[in-house]
Amino acid sequence: MDASRSESGQLHAGGDPVLVVARQWERGWELFLDRRVVTQVASLGSAEQQIRDYLDTVDPEADHAHWEITVAVESHPKGGVDDRA
């Protein structure tokens, strides 16, 4: 399901997975939604749960527990991604 924004700015579920881009930095990973850094994690293995926690914070009315989240690792600084994470 995707995290698209309604006219009110609220996140809501759609039919596609939530796509998260992970960019490595010296202390872990920055996680991007819609090209904005929304949170960080020390380990890439924690990214999916961290995004669920973020979504729960910005949209507490929705149950994000079963949303499909895809983490794509940025492969180069120009913004390309490698979704094999």
N, C-alpha and C. Protein backbone atom coordinates (compact mmCIF):
# COMPACT_ATOMS: atom_id res chain seq x y z
N MET A 1 0.84 -1.17 0.00
CA MET A 1 0.00 0.00 0.00
C MET A 1 0.88 1.23 0.00
N ASP A 2 0.42 2.29 -0.58
CA ASP A 2 1.29 3.44 -0.63
C ASP A 2 0.91 4.48 0.40
N ALA A 3 1.84 5.35 0.66
CA ALA A 3 1.60 6.42 1.62
C ALA A 3 1.43 7.70 0.83
N SER A 4 0.32 7.83 0.16
CA SER A 4 0.06 9.06 -0.57
C SER A 4 -0.73 10.00 0.32
N ARG A 5 -0.70 11.27 -0.01
CA ARG A 5 -1.36 12.26 0.83
C ARG A 5 -2.68 12.68 0.22
N SER A 6 -3.67 12.77 1.07
CA SER A 6 -4.97 13.27 0.64
C SER A 6 -4.91 14.80 0.60
N GLU A 7 -6.00 15.42 0.19
CA GLU A 7 -6.03 16.89 0.15
C GLU A 7 -5.78 17.48 1.52
N SER A 8 -6.14 16.77 2.58
CA SER A 8 -5.93 17.28 3.94
C SER A 8 -4.49 17.08 4.40
N GLY A 9 -3.68 16.37 3.59
CA GLY A 9 -2.29 16.13 3.96
C GLY A 9 -2.09 14.85 4.76
N GLN A 10 -3.17 14.14 5.05
CA GLN A 10 -3.06 12.90 5.82
C GLN A 10 -2.58 11.76 4.94
N LEU A 11 -1.76 10.89 5.50
CA LEU A 11 -1.33 9.70 4.78
C LEU A 11 -2.49 8.71 4.75
N HIS A 12 -2.63 7.99 3.65
CA HIS A 12 -3.67 6.97 3.59
C HIS A 12 -3.20 5.80 2.75
N ALA A 13 -3.81 4.66 2.98
CA ALA A 13 -3.43 3.44 2.29
C ALA A 13 -3.92 3.45 0.86
N GLY A 14 -3.12 2.92 -0.03
CA GLY A 14 -3.50 2.76 -1.42
C GLY A 14 -3.23 1.33 -1.82
N GLY A 15 -3.04 1.07 -3.10
CA GLY A 15 -2.84 -0.28 -3.57
C GLY A 15 -1.40 -0.71 -3.70
N ASP A 16 -0.47 0.23 -3.68
CA ASP A 16 0.94 -0.08 -3.90
C ASP A 16 1.70 -0.08 -2.58
N PRO A 17 2.87 -0.76 -2.56
CA PRO A 17 3.69 -0.73 -1.34
C PRO A 17 4.19 0.69 -1.05
N VAL A 18 4.45 0.95 0.21
CA VAL A 18 5.11 2.19 0.60
C VAL A 18 6.56 2.03 0.18
N LEU A 19 7.05 2.95 -0.64
CA LEU A 19 8.44 2.88 -1.09
C LEU A 19 9.28 3.81 -0.23
N VAL A 20 10.27 3.23 0.43
CA VAL A 20 11.19 3.95 1.28
C VAL A 20 12.57 3.87 0.65
N VAL A 21 13.24 4.99 0.51
CA VAL A 21 14.61 5.00 0.01
C VAL A 21 15.53 5.16 1.21
N ALA A 22 16.50 4.27 1.31
CA ALA A 22 17.47 4.29 2.41
C ALA A 22 18.81 4.78 1.87
N ARG A 23 19.36 5.80 2.51
CA ARG A 23 20.66 6.34 2.12
C ARG A 23 21.61 6.17 3.31
N GLN A 24 22.72 5.50 3.08
CA GLN A 24 23.67 5.25 4.16
C GLN A 24 24.46 6.51 4.49
N TRP A 25 24.72 6.68 5.77
CA TRP A 25 25.59 7.74 6.25
C TRP A 25 26.43 7.16 7.37
N GLU A 26 27.33 7.91 7.95
CA GLU A 26 28.31 7.36 8.89
C GLU A 26 27.71 6.72 10.13
N ARG A 27 26.50 7.08 10.53
CA ARG A 27 25.90 6.51 11.73
C ARG A 27 24.72 5.59 11.45
N GLY A 28 24.51 5.24 10.20
CA GLY A 28 23.40 4.35 9.88
C GLY A 28 22.75 4.69 8.56
N TRP A 29 21.42 4.82 8.60
CA TRP A 29 20.64 5.02 7.38
C TRP A 29 19.61 6.13 7.57
N GLU A 30 19.52 7.01 6.59
CA GLU A 30 18.43 7.98 6.53
C GLU A 30 17.33 7.35 5.69
N LEU A 31 16.09 7.51 6.11
CA LEU A 31 14.96 6.92 5.40
C LEU A 31 14.11 8.03 4.81
N PHE A 32 13.84 7.92 3.51
CA PHE A 32 13.12 8.94 2.76
C PHE A 32 11.76 8.42 2.31
N LEU A 33 10.74 9.25 2.44
CA LEU A 33 9.43 9.04 1.84
C LEU A 33 9.17 10.28 0.99
N ASP A 34 8.74 10.10 -0.22
CA ASP A 34 8.47 11.24 -1.10
C ASP A 34 9.64 12.21 -1.16
N ARG A 35 10.85 11.66 -1.23
CA ARG A 35 12.09 12.45 -1.35
C ARG A 35 12.39 13.33 -0.15
N ARG A 36 11.75 13.05 0.98
CA ARG A 36 12.01 13.79 2.22
C ARG A 36 12.54 12.82 3.27
N VAL A 37 13.57 13.25 4.00
CA VAL A 37 14.05 12.43 5.11
C VAL A 37 12.99 12.49 6.19
N VAL A 38 12.52 11.33 6.62
CA VAL A 38 11.50 11.31 7.66
C VAL A 38 12.00 10.70 8.97
N THR A 39 13.03 9.86 8.89
CA THR A 39 13.56 9.24 10.10
C THR A 39 14.90 8.59 9.77
N GLN A 40 15.54 8.05 10.79
CA GLN A 40 16.84 7.39 10.62
C GLN A 40 16.85 6.11 11.44
N VAL A 41 17.72 5.18 11.02
CA VAL A 41 17.93 3.94 11.77
C VAL A 41 19.41 3.62 11.77
N ALA A 42 19.85 2.92 12.81
CA ALA A 42 21.25 2.49 12.87
C ALA A 42 21.48 1.28 11.97
N SER A 43 20.47 0.41 11.87
CA SER A 43 20.58 -0.83 11.10
C SER A 43 19.47 -0.87 10.05
N LEU A 44 19.83 -1.26 8.85
CA LEU A 44 18.85 -1.35 7.77
C LEU A 44 17.74 -2.34 8.10
N GLY A 45 18.06 -3.34 8.90
CA GLY A 45 17.06 -4.32 9.30
C GLY A 45 15.92 -3.73 10.13
N SER A 46 16.14 -2.56 10.68
CA SER A 46 15.11 -1.89 11.49
C SER A 46 14.26 -0.91 10.69
N ALA A 47 14.58 -0.75 9.42
CA ALA A 47 13.93 0.29 8.60
C ALA A 47 12.42 0.10 8.49
N GLU A 48 11.98 -1.10 8.21
CA GLU A 48 10.54 -1.32 8.01
C GLU A 48 9.74 -0.95 9.26
N GLN A 49 10.19 -1.41 10.42
CA GLN A 49 9.46 -1.09 11.65
C GLN A 49 9.54 0.40 11.98
N GLN A 50 10.68 1.01 11.70
CA GLN A 50 10.83 2.44 11.96
C GLN A 50 9.86 3.25 11.10
N ILE A 51 9.68 2.84 9.85
CA ILE A 51 8.71 3.52 8.98
C ILE A 51 7.29 3.31 9.49
N ARG A 52 6.97 2.10 9.94
CA ARG A 52 5.63 1.87 10.53
C ARG A 52 5.41 2.79 11.73
N ASP A 53 6.44 2.90 12.57
CA ASP A 53 6.33 3.78 13.74
C ASP A 53 6.13 5.23 13.32
N TYR A 54 6.86 5.66 12.28
CA TYR A 54 6.70 7.02 11.76
C TYR A 54 5.27 7.22 11.25
N LEU A 55 4.78 6.28 10.44
CA LEU A 55 3.43 6.40 9.90
C LEU A 55 2.39 6.42 11.01
N ASP A 56 2.60 5.61 12.05
CA ASP A 56 1.68 5.62 13.20
C ASP A 56 1.68 6.98 13.90
N THR A 57 2.83 7.64 13.90
CA THR A 57 2.93 8.96 14.55
C THR A 57 2.20 10.03 13.74
N VAL A 58 2.41 10.03 12.42
CA VAL A 58 1.80 11.09 11.60
C VAL A 58 0.35 10.80 11.25
N ASP A 59 -0.07 9.54 11.35
CA ASP A 59 -1.46 9.17 11.04
C ASP A 59 -1.93 8.11 12.04
N PRO A 60 -2.17 8.52 13.29
CA PRO A 60 -2.49 7.54 14.34
C PRO A 60 -3.83 6.83 14.15
N GLU A 61 -4.69 7.33 13.30
CA GLU A 61 -5.99 6.70 13.08
C GLU A 61 -5.89 5.45 12.21
N ALA A 62 -4.84 5.33 11.42
CA ALA A 62 -4.68 4.19 10.51
C ALA A 62 -3.88 3.07 11.18
N ASP A 63 -4.19 1.84 10.80
CA ASP A 63 -3.43 0.68 11.27
C ASP A 63 -2.41 0.34 10.19
N HIS A 64 -1.15 0.63 10.45
CA HIS A 64 -0.09 0.42 9.47
C HIS A 64 0.58 -0.94 9.61
N ALA A 65 0.10 -1.76 10.52
CA ALA A 65 0.74 -3.03 10.83
C ALA A 65 0.86 -3.96 9.62
N HIS A 66 -0.09 -3.88 8.70
CA HIS A 66 -0.09 -4.81 7.57
C HIS A 66 0.21 -4.14 6.24
N TRP A 67 0.60 -2.88 6.28
CA TRP A 67 0.98 -2.19 5.04
C TRP A 67 2.26 -2.82 4.50
N GLU A 68 2.33 -2.97 3.21
CA GLU A 68 3.54 -3.49 2.58
C GLU A 68 4.54 -2.34 2.43
N ILE A 69 5.73 -2.54 2.97
CA ILE A 69 6.77 -1.52 2.92
C ILE A 69 7.97 -2.09 2.18
N THR A 70 8.40 -1.38 1.14
CA THR A 70 9.57 -1.78 0.36
C THR A 70 10.69 -0.79 0.64
N VAL A 71 11.84 -1.31 1.06
CA VAL A 71 13.00 -0.46 1.33
C VAL A 71 13.97 -0.62 0.16
N ALA A 72 14.25 0.49 -0.51
CA ALA A 72 15.19 0.51 -1.63
C ALA A 72 16.45 1.24 -1.18
N VAL A 73 17.59 0.59 -1.33
CA VAL A 73 18.86 1.19 -0.92
C VAL A 73 19.39 2.05 -2.06
N GLU A 74 19.68 3.30 -1.75
CA GLU A 74 20.25 4.19 -2.75
C GLU A 74 21.62 3.67 -3.16
N SER A 75 21.83 3.52 -4.46
CA SER A 75 23.07 2.91 -4.93
C SER A 75 24.14 3.91 -5.31
N HIS A 76 23.76 5.15 -5.54
CA HIS A 76 24.76 6.17 -5.86
C HIS A 76 24.22 7.55 -5.49
N PRO A 77 25.10 8.52 -5.29
CA PRO A 77 24.69 9.83 -4.79
C PRO A 77 23.75 10.61 -5.71
N LYS A 78 23.64 10.25 -6.96
CA LYS A 78 22.77 10.99 -7.87
C LYS A 78 21.30 10.64 -7.69
N GLY A 79 20.99 9.74 -6.77
CA GLY A 79 19.60 9.46 -6.47
C GLY A 79 19.07 8.16 -7.04
N GLY A 80 19.89 7.37 -7.73
CA GLY A 80 19.44 6.07 -8.21
C GLY A 80 19.26 5.15 -7.03
N VAL A 81 18.43 4.15 -7.17
CA VAL A 81 18.21 3.24 -6.06
C VAL A 81 18.43 1.80 -6.49
N ASP A 82 18.75 0.99 -5.52
CA ASP A 82 18.91 -0.44 -5.69
C ASP A 82 17.90 -1.08 -4.75
N ASP A 83 16.83 -1.69 -5.28
CA ASP A 83 15.77 -2.21 -4.43
C ASP A 83 16.00 -3.64 -3.98
N ARG A 84 17.25 -4.08 -3.99
CA ARG A 84 17.56 -5.45 -3.56
C ARG A 84 17.81 -5.54 -2.07
N ALA A 85 17.50 -4.52 -1.30
CA ALA A 85 17.75 -4.52 0.15
C ALA A 85 16.88 -5.52 0.86
